Amino acid sequence: MKKLTVALLSGGISSEREVSLQSGDQVYDALDKDKYHIQRYDPKTDLGRLVIDASGIDVALIILHGPYGEDGTVQGLLDLLHIPYQGSGVLGSALAMNKAVTKQLYEISGLPVPSYMICHRNEDMDVDACVKQIGLPLVVKPVAGGSSVGMSIVKASGDLQGALDKAKSYDNAVMVESYISGTELTGGVIGNKELEALPIIEIVPDQSREFFDYEAKYTPGVTQEICPARIDDELTRQAQSYAKIAHRTLYCQGYSRTDMILKDREIYVLETNTIPGMTATSLLPQAAQVGGISFSQLMDKLIELGLEQHQASIHPTST
């Protein structure tokens, strides 16, 4: 059987560039070289070469995080080049990247979310009014971004402005959200029309850390990740259902991973990742492994789903 030519995109120009490069290395190692001829591209330097090579590429794997990679921009370029790719398209990618829009769509779909407010870079937030409305402690983070870059936990009103300034240095808009202390959960979903919910993972950050920050996410041994999560069957089904609802609500395709928090048997949905990390310490590959899907098989499945979705977009089923 003829090998598929796979364009592996990693790197890029976002604040998550290094994580993307690490993920790209892991994916390259996991791909079956008997099935795929792999060509690597870094969007920071190689977009011109990608355009030139487009006619010889069968499918792309987008292993990019943050703006200009996970937000629909690269997806739009690949659509123009008629290159199939894994994961969500322009719409789903853009929606999930914007935490403000994500929250609004979650609410419309009936998913429970923490209380929140949005502040734009050119606006001054009334700190006292914010604390009065939402309460303390608070989570402050850029609206567009991932890997907890620019995120802070605020326990005193006097610290809120500094946290806002920090988050605004990464984005034009900032989300201020009620901090819910509970059990951190994440649920992966795989599929296009038919969705498969992966086992739920429980995240236990090191006690020296207040939250699952950038270093905790990507440094082996800093965070304990338990799969399946230590929750009962009822809560497991609910978390998996929420992950599927979030996936469909945001028009995701192929796969996604939704982060949640559990407190007093109430699950709150936080955000959805359309290109979850693919390093050795990443969560979605761990959940897939527990679900009986090896890293290599996971890559095969995502490529298959990407090709399937591309075909469906070219030849939509008539109604």
Foldseek 3Di string as FASTA:
>chain_A
DDAAEEEEEAQEDAPCRVLRVQLSVLLVVLADPVRYDYDYDYVVPCPVVCLVCLVRHAAYEQSYFFPPGQQQNVLVVCVVSLHFYFKFHNQLSNQQQFQVSLVVLCVVLVAAAFDKDKDFQPDDDPLVVVCVVRNDFKWKAARGGDQCQLIDTRGDSVCVVVSNVSRCVRYRMMMIGRDDDAWKKKWKWFAAPDIDIFAIKTKAAAPVDPDCHNCNQPPPPRIDIDPNDPDDPVLRVVNSVSLVSSCVSSRMGGMKMWMWGDDPNRIHTRGIGRNWRRHPRTDPQVRVVVVVAHSNNSVVSRRVRRSVVSVCVVPPDDD
